[in-house]
N, C-alpha and C. Protein backbone atom coordinates (compact mmCIF):
# COMPACT_ATOMS: atom_id res chain seq x y z
N UNK A 1 -36.93 57.90 -22.14
CA UNK A 1 -36.07 57.58 -21.03
C UNK A 1 -35.83 56.08 -21.02
N UNK A 2 -34.57 55.73 -20.86
CA UNK A 2 -34.19 54.32 -20.80
C UNK A 2 -34.01 53.90 -19.35
N UNK A 3 -34.60 52.80 -19.01
CA UNK A 3 -34.47 52.28 -17.65
C UNK A 3 -33.86 50.87 -17.76
N UNK A 4 -32.75 50.71 -17.07
CA UNK A 4 -32.12 49.39 -17.01
C UNK A 4 -32.53 48.73 -15.71
N UNK A 5 -32.91 47.51 -15.83
CA UNK A 5 -33.40 46.81 -14.65
C UNK A 5 -32.67 45.48 -14.50
N UNK A 6 -32.28 45.20 -13.31
CA UNK A 6 -31.65 43.92 -13.00
C UNK A 6 -32.71 42.93 -12.56
N UNK A 7 -32.66 41.81 -13.14
CA UNK A 7 -33.57 40.76 -12.69
C UNK A 7 -32.75 39.50 -12.44
N UNK A 8 -33.01 38.86 -11.34
CA UNK A 8 -32.26 37.66 -10.97
C UNK A 8 -33.23 36.52 -10.72
N UNK A 9 -32.91 35.43 -11.35
CA UNK A 9 -33.71 34.23 -11.17
C UNK A 9 -33.14 33.48 -9.96
N UNK A 10 -33.91 33.20 -8.92
CA UNK A 10 -33.37 32.52 -7.74
C UNK A 10 -32.84 31.12 -8.04
N UNK A 11 -33.29 30.49 -9.12
CA UNK A 11 -32.79 29.15 -9.46
C UNK A 11 -31.31 29.18 -9.83
N UNK A 12 -30.80 30.35 -10.23
CA UNK A 12 -29.41 30.43 -10.65
C UNK A 12 -28.43 30.54 -9.49
N UNK A 13 -28.87 30.98 -8.32
CA UNK A 13 -27.92 31.19 -7.24
C UNK A 13 -28.34 30.60 -5.90
N UNK A 14 -29.52 30.07 -5.78
CA UNK A 14 -29.98 29.49 -4.53
C UNK A 14 -29.84 27.98 -4.60
N UNK A 15 -29.33 27.41 -3.50
CA UNK A 15 -29.18 25.95 -3.43
C UNK A 15 -30.53 25.29 -3.18
N UNK A 16 -30.70 24.12 -3.75
CA UNK A 16 -31.95 23.39 -3.53
C UNK A 16 -31.95 22.71 -2.17
N UNK A 17 -30.81 22.12 -1.79
CA UNK A 17 -30.66 21.51 -0.47
C UNK A 17 -29.37 22.02 0.15
N UNK A 18 -29.16 21.73 1.40
CA UNK A 18 -27.96 22.17 2.09
C UNK A 18 -26.71 21.43 1.60
N UNK A 19 -26.91 20.28 0.99
CA UNK A 19 -25.77 19.49 0.53
C UNK A 19 -25.28 19.91 -0.85
N UNK A 20 -26.06 20.70 -1.56
CA UNK A 20 -25.65 21.18 -2.88
C UNK A 20 -24.53 22.20 -2.74
N UNK A 21 -23.69 22.29 -3.77
CA UNK A 21 -22.63 23.30 -3.79
C UNK A 21 -23.22 24.67 -4.08
N UNK A 22 -22.59 25.67 -3.48
CA UNK A 22 -23.04 27.04 -3.71
C UNK A 22 -22.66 27.45 -5.13
N UNK A 23 -23.61 27.96 -5.89
CA UNK A 23 -23.35 28.39 -7.25
C UNK A 23 -22.76 29.79 -7.22
N UNK A 24 -21.63 29.96 -7.89
CA UNK A 24 -20.95 31.24 -7.92
C UNK A 24 -21.07 31.81 -9.33
N UNK A 25 -21.55 33.03 -9.46
CA UNK A 25 -21.61 33.61 -10.81
C UNK A 25 -20.20 33.94 -11.30
N UNK A 26 -19.94 33.64 -12.56
CA UNK A 26 -18.62 33.89 -13.15
C UNK A 26 -18.76 34.79 -14.35
N UNK A 27 -17.76 35.61 -14.54
CA UNK A 27 -17.69 36.46 -15.71
C UNK A 27 -16.65 35.84 -16.65
N UNK A 28 -17.08 35.42 -17.82
CA UNK A 28 -16.19 34.72 -18.76
C UNK A 28 -15.50 35.69 -19.72
N UNK A 29 -15.47 36.93 -19.42
CA UNK A 29 -14.85 37.92 -20.29
C UNK A 29 -13.34 37.68 -20.31
N UNK A 30 -12.72 37.43 -21.49
CA UNK A 30 -11.27 37.14 -21.53
C UNK A 30 -10.41 38.33 -21.12
N UNK A 31 -10.92 39.53 -21.19
CA UNK A 31 -10.11 40.68 -20.76
C UNK A 31 -9.96 40.73 -19.25
N UNK A 32 -10.90 40.15 -18.52
CA UNK A 32 -10.80 40.11 -17.06
C UNK A 32 -9.94 38.95 -16.57
N UNK A 33 -9.77 37.93 -17.39
CA UNK A 33 -8.98 36.75 -17.02
C UNK A 33 -7.91 36.51 -18.08
N UNK A 34 -6.82 37.27 -18.04
CA UNK A 34 -5.82 37.14 -19.11
C UNK A 34 -5.03 35.82 -19.07
N UNK A 35 -4.98 35.16 -17.93
CA UNK A 35 -4.19 33.93 -17.83
C UNK A 35 -5.05 32.67 -17.89
N UNK A 36 -6.26 32.79 -18.36
CA UNK A 36 -7.15 31.65 -18.38
C UNK A 36 -6.69 30.58 -19.38
N UNK A 37 -6.25 30.99 -20.55
CA UNK A 37 -5.81 30.02 -21.56
C UNK A 37 -4.57 29.25 -21.09
N UNK A 38 -3.52 29.93 -20.58
CA UNK A 38 -2.37 29.14 -20.08
C UNK A 38 -2.75 28.24 -18.90
N UNK A 39 -3.65 28.70 -18.05
CA UNK A 39 -4.08 27.90 -16.90
C UNK A 39 -4.80 26.64 -17.37
N UNK A 40 -5.66 26.78 -18.34
CA UNK A 40 -6.37 25.61 -18.88
C UNK A 40 -5.42 24.66 -19.60
N UNK A 41 -4.39 25.22 -20.24
CA UNK A 41 -3.39 24.38 -20.91
C UNK A 41 -2.65 23.52 -19.87
N UNK A 42 -2.26 24.14 -18.75
CA UNK A 42 -1.55 23.40 -17.70
C UNK A 42 -2.46 22.33 -17.11
N UNK A 43 -3.72 22.66 -16.89
CA UNK A 43 -4.66 21.66 -16.36
C UNK A 43 -4.84 20.49 -17.31
N UNK A 44 -4.94 20.77 -18.59
CA UNK A 44 -5.10 19.70 -19.58
C UNK A 44 -3.85 18.83 -19.64
N UNK A 45 -2.68 19.47 -19.55
CA UNK A 45 -1.42 18.72 -19.57
C UNK A 45 -1.31 17.82 -18.35
N UNK A 46 -1.66 18.34 -17.18
CA UNK A 46 -1.62 17.53 -15.96
C UNK A 46 -2.62 16.38 -16.02
N UNK A 47 -3.79 16.62 -16.57
CA UNK A 47 -4.77 15.55 -16.70
C UNK A 47 -4.27 14.45 -17.63
N UNK A 48 -3.58 14.84 -18.69
CA UNK A 48 -3.03 13.85 -19.61
C UNK A 48 -1.95 13.02 -18.94
N UNK A 49 -1.11 13.68 -18.14
CA UNK A 49 -0.06 12.96 -17.43
C UNK A 49 -0.66 11.99 -16.43
N UNK A 50 -1.69 12.42 -15.71
CA UNK A 50 -2.33 11.53 -14.74
C UNK A 50 -3.01 10.35 -15.43
N UNK A 51 -3.58 10.57 -16.58
CA UNK A 51 -4.18 9.46 -17.31
C UNK A 51 -3.13 8.42 -17.68
N UNK A 52 -1.95 8.89 -18.05
CA UNK A 52 -0.88 7.96 -18.39
C UNK A 52 -0.41 7.20 -17.16
N UNK A 53 -0.35 7.88 -16.01
CA UNK A 53 0.09 7.22 -14.78
C UNK A 53 -0.89 6.12 -14.38
N UNK A 54 -2.19 6.43 -14.46
CA UNK A 54 -3.19 5.47 -14.02
C UNK A 54 -3.65 4.52 -15.13
N UNK A 55 -3.03 4.58 -16.29
CA UNK A 55 -3.44 3.72 -17.40
C UNK A 55 -2.91 2.31 -17.28
N UNK A 56 -1.96 2.09 -16.36
CA UNK A 56 -1.42 0.75 -16.21
C UNK A 56 -2.51 -0.18 -15.70
N UNK A 57 -2.61 -1.36 -16.29
CA UNK A 57 -3.70 -2.25 -15.88
C UNK A 57 -3.44 -2.87 -14.52
N UNK A 58 -4.50 -3.10 -13.78
CA UNK A 58 -4.43 -3.82 -12.51
C UNK A 58 -4.32 -5.30 -12.82
N UNK A 59 -3.24 -5.92 -12.39
CA UNK A 59 -3.00 -7.31 -12.77
C UNK A 59 -3.68 -8.31 -11.85
N UNK A 60 -3.44 -8.20 -10.55
CA UNK A 60 -3.99 -9.21 -9.65
C UNK A 60 -4.00 -8.70 -8.23
N UNK A 61 -4.78 -9.37 -7.41
CA UNK A 61 -4.83 -9.10 -5.99
C UNK A 61 -4.47 -10.40 -5.28
N UNK A 62 -3.50 -10.32 -4.38
CA UNK A 62 -3.08 -11.50 -3.64
C UNK A 62 -3.86 -11.52 -2.33
N UNK A 63 -5.00 -12.19 -2.34
CA UNK A 63 -5.86 -12.25 -1.15
C UNK A 63 -5.45 -13.41 -0.27
N UNK A 64 -5.59 -13.21 1.03
CA UNK A 64 -5.31 -14.31 1.94
C UNK A 64 -4.95 -13.85 3.34
N UNK A 65 -4.29 -12.72 3.48
CA UNK A 65 -3.94 -12.25 4.82
C UNK A 65 -5.20 -11.76 5.52
N UNK A 66 -5.30 -12.09 6.81
CA UNK A 66 -6.45 -11.64 7.59
C UNK A 66 -6.24 -10.22 8.11
N UNK A 67 -4.99 -9.79 8.21
CA UNK A 67 -4.66 -8.46 8.70
C UNK A 67 -3.80 -7.75 7.68
N UNK A 68 -3.43 -6.52 7.93
CA UNK A 68 -2.65 -5.73 6.98
C UNK A 68 -1.25 -6.28 6.78
N UNK A 69 -0.72 -6.13 5.59
CA UNK A 69 0.63 -6.58 5.27
C UNK A 69 1.60 -5.49 5.70
N UNK A 70 2.62 -5.89 6.46
CA UNK A 70 3.56 -4.94 7.04
C UNK A 70 4.90 -4.94 6.31
N UNK A 71 5.31 -6.06 5.72
CA UNK A 71 6.62 -6.12 5.06
C UNK A 71 6.58 -7.13 3.92
N UNK A 72 7.45 -6.89 2.94
CA UNK A 72 7.57 -7.76 1.76
C UNK A 72 9.03 -8.06 1.50
N UNK A 73 9.28 -9.20 0.88
CA UNK A 73 10.63 -9.55 0.44
C UNK A 73 10.50 -10.37 -0.84
N UNK A 74 11.49 -10.22 -1.72
CA UNK A 74 11.48 -11.01 -2.94
C UNK A 74 12.52 -12.11 -2.84
N UNK A 75 12.27 -13.18 -3.55
CA UNK A 75 13.19 -14.31 -3.58
C UNK A 75 14.39 -13.91 -4.43
N UNK A 76 15.62 -14.21 -3.99
CA UNK A 76 16.80 -13.77 -4.76
C UNK A 76 16.99 -14.53 -6.07
N UNK A 77 16.50 -15.75 -6.18
CA UNK A 77 16.71 -16.55 -7.39
C UNK A 77 15.48 -16.64 -8.28
N UNK A 78 14.29 -16.61 -7.69
CA UNK A 78 13.06 -16.80 -8.43
C UNK A 78 12.29 -15.49 -8.49
N UNK A 79 12.04 -15.00 -9.69
CA UNK A 79 11.29 -13.77 -9.86
C UNK A 79 9.82 -13.93 -9.51
N UNK A 80 9.32 -15.14 -9.55
CA UNK A 80 7.90 -15.40 -9.32
C UNK A 80 7.56 -15.58 -7.85
N UNK A 81 8.54 -15.55 -6.95
CA UNK A 81 8.29 -15.82 -5.54
C UNK A 81 8.46 -14.55 -4.71
N UNK A 82 7.43 -14.26 -3.91
CA UNK A 82 7.44 -13.10 -3.02
C UNK A 82 6.98 -13.55 -1.65
N UNK A 83 7.58 -12.99 -0.59
CA UNK A 83 7.19 -13.30 0.77
C UNK A 83 6.54 -12.07 1.39
N UNK A 84 5.49 -12.27 2.18
CA UNK A 84 4.82 -11.14 2.83
C UNK A 84 4.59 -11.47 4.30
N UNK A 85 4.81 -10.47 5.14
CA UNK A 85 4.60 -10.60 6.58
C UNK A 85 3.47 -9.68 7.01
N UNK A 86 2.55 -10.20 7.80
CA UNK A 86 1.35 -9.44 8.17
C UNK A 86 1.40 -9.00 9.63
N UNK A 87 0.44 -8.17 9.98
CA UNK A 87 0.36 -7.62 11.33
C UNK A 87 -0.15 -8.63 12.34
N UNK A 88 -0.67 -9.75 11.89
CA UNK A 88 -1.13 -10.78 12.82
C UNK A 88 -0.08 -11.87 13.04
N UNK A 89 1.14 -11.67 12.55
CA UNK A 89 2.22 -12.62 12.75
C UNK A 89 2.33 -13.69 11.69
N UNK A 90 1.53 -13.59 10.65
CA UNK A 90 1.50 -14.61 9.60
C UNK A 90 2.44 -14.23 8.46
N UNK A 91 3.17 -15.22 7.96
CA UNK A 91 4.03 -15.05 6.80
C UNK A 91 3.49 -15.93 5.69
N UNK A 92 3.38 -15.36 4.50
CA UNK A 92 2.91 -16.13 3.34
C UNK A 92 3.93 -16.06 2.23
N UNK A 93 4.10 -17.17 1.54
CA UNK A 93 4.97 -17.23 0.36
C UNK A 93 4.05 -17.34 -0.85
N UNK A 94 4.23 -16.43 -1.80
CA UNK A 94 3.34 -16.31 -2.95
C UNK A 94 4.04 -16.69 -4.23
N UNK A 95 3.31 -17.33 -5.13
CA UNK A 95 3.76 -17.55 -6.50
C UNK A 95 3.03 -16.53 -7.37
N UNK A 96 3.76 -15.58 -7.93
CA UNK A 96 3.13 -14.49 -8.67
C UNK A 96 2.59 -14.93 -10.03
N UNK A 97 3.22 -15.90 -10.66
CA UNK A 97 2.73 -16.32 -11.97
C UNK A 97 1.40 -17.05 -11.85
N UNK A 98 1.26 -17.88 -10.82
CA UNK A 98 -0.01 -18.59 -10.60
C UNK A 98 -0.98 -17.76 -9.76
N UNK A 99 -0.47 -16.71 -9.12
CA UNK A 99 -1.25 -15.81 -8.27
C UNK A 99 -1.92 -16.56 -7.12
N UNK A 100 -1.14 -17.42 -6.46
CA UNK A 100 -1.69 -18.14 -5.32
C UNK A 100 -0.65 -18.23 -4.21
N UNK A 101 -1.12 -18.60 -3.04
CA UNK A 101 -0.25 -18.74 -1.88
C UNK A 101 0.34 -20.15 -1.86
N UNK A 102 1.65 -20.23 -1.80
CA UNK A 102 2.32 -21.53 -1.77
C UNK A 102 2.34 -22.09 -0.35
N UNK A 103 2.58 -21.19 0.60
CA UNK A 103 2.80 -21.65 1.97
C UNK A 103 2.38 -20.57 2.96
N UNK A 104 1.85 -20.98 4.09
CA UNK A 104 1.45 -20.07 5.16
C UNK A 104 2.10 -20.51 6.46
N UNK A 105 2.70 -19.56 7.17
CA UNK A 105 3.38 -19.87 8.43
C UNK A 105 2.90 -18.87 9.47
N UNK A 106 2.53 -19.36 10.65
CA UNK A 106 2.26 -18.47 11.77
C UNK A 106 3.59 -18.26 12.47
N UNK A 107 4.30 -17.20 12.09
CA UNK A 107 5.69 -17.02 12.49
C UNK A 107 5.86 -16.37 13.85
N UNK A 108 5.06 -15.38 14.16
CA UNK A 108 5.25 -14.61 15.39
C UNK A 108 3.93 -14.32 16.06
N UNK A 109 4.02 -13.91 17.32
CA UNK A 109 2.86 -13.40 18.04
C UNK A 109 2.94 -11.88 17.94
N UNK A 110 2.02 -11.28 17.25
CA UNK A 110 2.08 -9.84 17.00
C UNK A 110 2.59 -9.58 15.59
N UNK A 111 3.00 -8.35 15.36
CA UNK A 111 3.43 -7.93 14.02
C UNK A 111 4.66 -8.68 13.55
N UNK A 112 4.74 -8.92 12.25
CA UNK A 112 5.99 -9.32 11.61
C UNK A 112 6.62 -8.01 11.16
N UNK A 113 7.72 -7.60 11.81
CA UNK A 113 8.32 -6.29 11.55
C UNK A 113 9.28 -6.29 10.38
N UNK A 114 9.89 -7.44 10.08
CA UNK A 114 10.83 -7.48 8.98
C UNK A 114 10.95 -8.89 8.44
N UNK A 115 11.31 -8.95 7.16
CA UNK A 115 11.48 -10.25 6.51
C UNK A 115 12.56 -10.08 5.44
N UNK A 116 13.48 -11.04 5.36
CA UNK A 116 14.51 -11.01 4.32
C UNK A 116 14.91 -12.44 3.98
N UNK A 117 15.45 -12.62 2.78
CA UNK A 117 15.85 -13.96 2.33
C UNK A 117 17.36 -14.06 2.31
N UNK A 118 17.85 -15.28 2.42
CA UNK A 118 19.29 -15.50 2.25
C UNK A 118 19.63 -15.37 0.78
N UNK A 119 20.86 -15.03 0.48
CA UNK A 119 21.28 -14.82 -0.91
C UNK A 119 21.18 -16.09 -1.74
N UNK A 120 21.28 -17.26 -1.08
CA UNK A 120 21.18 -18.52 -1.82
C UNK A 120 19.72 -18.92 -2.07
N UNK A 121 18.79 -18.33 -1.31
CA UNK A 121 17.38 -18.59 -1.54
C UNK A 121 16.85 -19.85 -0.87
N UNK A 122 17.61 -20.47 0.02
CA UNK A 122 17.14 -21.70 0.66
C UNK A 122 16.34 -21.43 1.92
N UNK A 123 16.52 -20.26 2.53
CA UNK A 123 15.81 -19.95 3.75
C UNK A 123 15.57 -18.44 3.84
N UNK A 124 14.78 -18.05 4.84
CA UNK A 124 14.52 -16.63 5.05
C UNK A 124 14.42 -16.36 6.54
N UNK A 125 14.55 -15.10 6.90
CA UNK A 125 14.53 -14.67 8.29
C UNK A 125 13.35 -13.74 8.52
N UNK A 126 12.75 -13.85 9.71
CA UNK A 126 11.69 -12.93 10.09
C UNK A 126 12.00 -12.39 11.48
N UNK A 127 11.54 -11.19 11.73
CA UNK A 127 11.65 -10.60 13.06
C UNK A 127 10.27 -10.05 13.42
N UNK A 128 9.89 -10.24 14.69
CA UNK A 128 8.54 -9.85 15.07
C UNK A 128 8.49 -9.07 16.36
N UNK A 129 7.28 -8.70 16.75
CA UNK A 129 7.06 -7.97 17.99
C UNK A 129 7.34 -8.82 19.22
N UNK A 130 7.43 -10.13 19.06
CA UNK A 130 7.73 -10.99 20.20
C UNK A 130 9.23 -11.02 20.50
N UNK A 131 10.00 -10.11 19.87
CA UNK A 131 11.44 -9.92 20.10
C UNK A 131 12.26 -11.16 19.76
N UNK A 132 11.87 -11.84 18.69
CA UNK A 132 12.65 -12.99 18.24
C UNK A 132 12.95 -12.85 16.75
N UNK A 133 14.12 -13.35 16.38
CA UNK A 133 14.49 -13.48 14.97
C UNK A 133 14.43 -14.96 14.66
N UNK A 134 13.69 -15.33 13.62
CA UNK A 134 13.51 -16.74 13.28
C UNK A 134 13.98 -17.00 11.86
N UNK A 135 14.61 -18.15 11.69
CA UNK A 135 15.05 -18.59 10.37
C UNK A 135 14.15 -19.73 9.94
N UNK A 136 13.64 -19.63 8.71
CA UNK A 136 12.72 -20.62 8.17
C UNK A 136 13.28 -21.18 6.86
N UNK A 137 13.01 -22.45 6.61
CA UNK A 137 13.37 -23.03 5.32
C UNK A 137 12.36 -22.56 4.27
N UNK A 138 12.84 -22.29 3.08
CA UNK A 138 11.95 -21.84 2.01
C UNK A 138 10.99 -22.96 1.59
N UNK A 139 11.49 -24.18 1.54
CA UNK A 139 10.64 -25.33 1.22
C UNK A 139 9.97 -25.79 2.49
N UNK A 140 8.72 -26.13 2.40
CA UNK A 140 7.98 -26.58 3.56
C UNK A 140 8.43 -27.94 4.03
N UNK A 141 8.02 -28.34 5.22
CA UNK A 141 8.38 -29.67 5.70
C UNK A 141 7.67 -30.75 4.89
N UNK A 142 8.29 -31.89 4.81
CA UNK A 142 7.68 -33.03 4.11
C UNK A 142 6.51 -33.56 4.92
N UNK A 143 5.76 -34.47 4.32
CA UNK A 143 4.60 -35.04 5.00
C UNK A 143 5.05 -35.77 6.25
N UNK A 144 4.45 -35.43 7.40
CA UNK A 144 4.79 -36.09 8.65
C UNK A 144 5.88 -35.39 9.43
N UNK A 145 6.60 -34.46 8.83
CA UNK A 145 7.65 -33.73 9.54
C UNK A 145 7.07 -32.46 10.15
N UNK A 146 7.75 -31.98 11.18
CA UNK A 146 7.36 -30.73 11.80
C UNK A 146 8.19 -29.59 11.22
N UNK A 147 7.66 -28.38 11.33
CA UNK A 147 8.36 -27.19 10.86
C UNK A 147 9.59 -26.97 11.73
N UNK A 148 10.74 -26.80 11.09
CA UNK A 148 11.98 -26.58 11.82
C UNK A 148 12.34 -25.10 11.73
N UNK A 149 12.48 -24.49 12.89
CA UNK A 149 12.87 -23.08 12.93
C UNK A 149 14.06 -22.92 13.85
N UNK A 150 14.84 -21.91 13.60
CA UNK A 150 15.91 -21.51 14.50
C UNK A 150 15.55 -20.12 14.95
N UNK A 151 15.45 -19.93 16.24
CA UNK A 151 15.07 -18.62 16.73
C UNK A 151 16.03 -18.16 17.81
N UNK A 152 16.09 -16.87 17.95
CA UNK A 152 16.93 -16.29 18.98
C UNK A 152 16.37 -14.94 19.39
N UNK A 153 16.73 -14.53 20.58
CA UNK A 153 16.26 -13.25 21.07
C UNK A 153 16.98 -12.12 20.35
N UNK A 154 16.28 -11.06 20.08
CA UNK A 154 16.89 -9.95 19.37
C UNK A 154 16.87 -8.67 20.21
N UNK A 155 16.91 -8.84 21.54
CA UNK A 155 16.87 -7.67 22.41
C UNK A 155 18.16 -6.86 22.30
N UNK A 156 19.28 -7.50 22.12
CA UNK A 156 20.55 -6.80 21.99
C UNK A 156 20.65 -6.12 20.63
N UNK A 157 20.13 -6.75 19.58
CA UNK A 157 20.20 -6.19 18.23
C UNK A 157 19.48 -4.85 18.16
N UNK A 158 18.34 -4.75 18.80
CA UNK A 158 17.58 -3.52 18.75
C UNK A 158 18.04 -2.51 19.78
N UNK A 159 19.01 -2.87 20.64
CA UNK A 159 19.51 -1.94 21.62
C UNK A 159 18.60 -1.81 22.83
N UNK A 160 17.73 -2.79 23.06
CA UNK A 160 16.84 -2.75 24.21
C UNK A 160 17.54 -3.50 25.35
N UNK A 161 17.91 -2.80 26.41
CA UNK A 161 18.62 -3.50 27.49
C UNK A 161 17.67 -4.43 28.25
N UNK A 162 18.21 -5.54 28.69
CA UNK A 162 17.46 -6.49 29.48
C UNK A 162 18.06 -6.55 30.88
N UNK A 163 17.49 -7.38 31.74
CA UNK A 163 17.99 -7.48 33.12
C UNK A 163 19.42 -7.99 33.15
N UNK A 164 19.74 -8.93 32.23
CA UNK A 164 21.08 -9.54 32.25
C UNK A 164 22.13 -8.62 31.64
N UNK A 165 21.72 -7.62 30.85
CA UNK A 165 22.71 -6.73 30.22
C UNK A 165 23.22 -5.67 31.18
N UNK A 166 22.47 -5.37 32.22
CA UNK A 166 22.84 -4.27 33.12
C UNK A 166 23.82 -4.72 34.13
């Protein structure tokens, strides 16, 4: 008489700690899983594509803002110049080739919501949570001079009615 007996080793299916993943027994019989080979092919192809996507080298980190960066603008004439506006109202002008900050401006109280440059590249505009649009010169002030800005209220631009509009 033949007797078949099942024996199970608890190490194969019981977790050692609560944080361990539950071990699931699998049957690797190819007749039960007819689409396993195409599925593995698709997974391998996707992994290869992701490797290509993430293979680009990390070039640099532009450190300096104390808060998160909310907006960016590029200089129209110089490829190496980028402007960034942060959530603390600070605007920084960066030189990408040297990877350093050229200039720092405390432009607004609150977020810098938008930043753009003039087509000639001599100045740029910022708009902030303080409801002002400000124009700044791209070149900083000379020694002994004060920063010159032109600002105006932007309540009408955003469609926010004020007391005088009603």
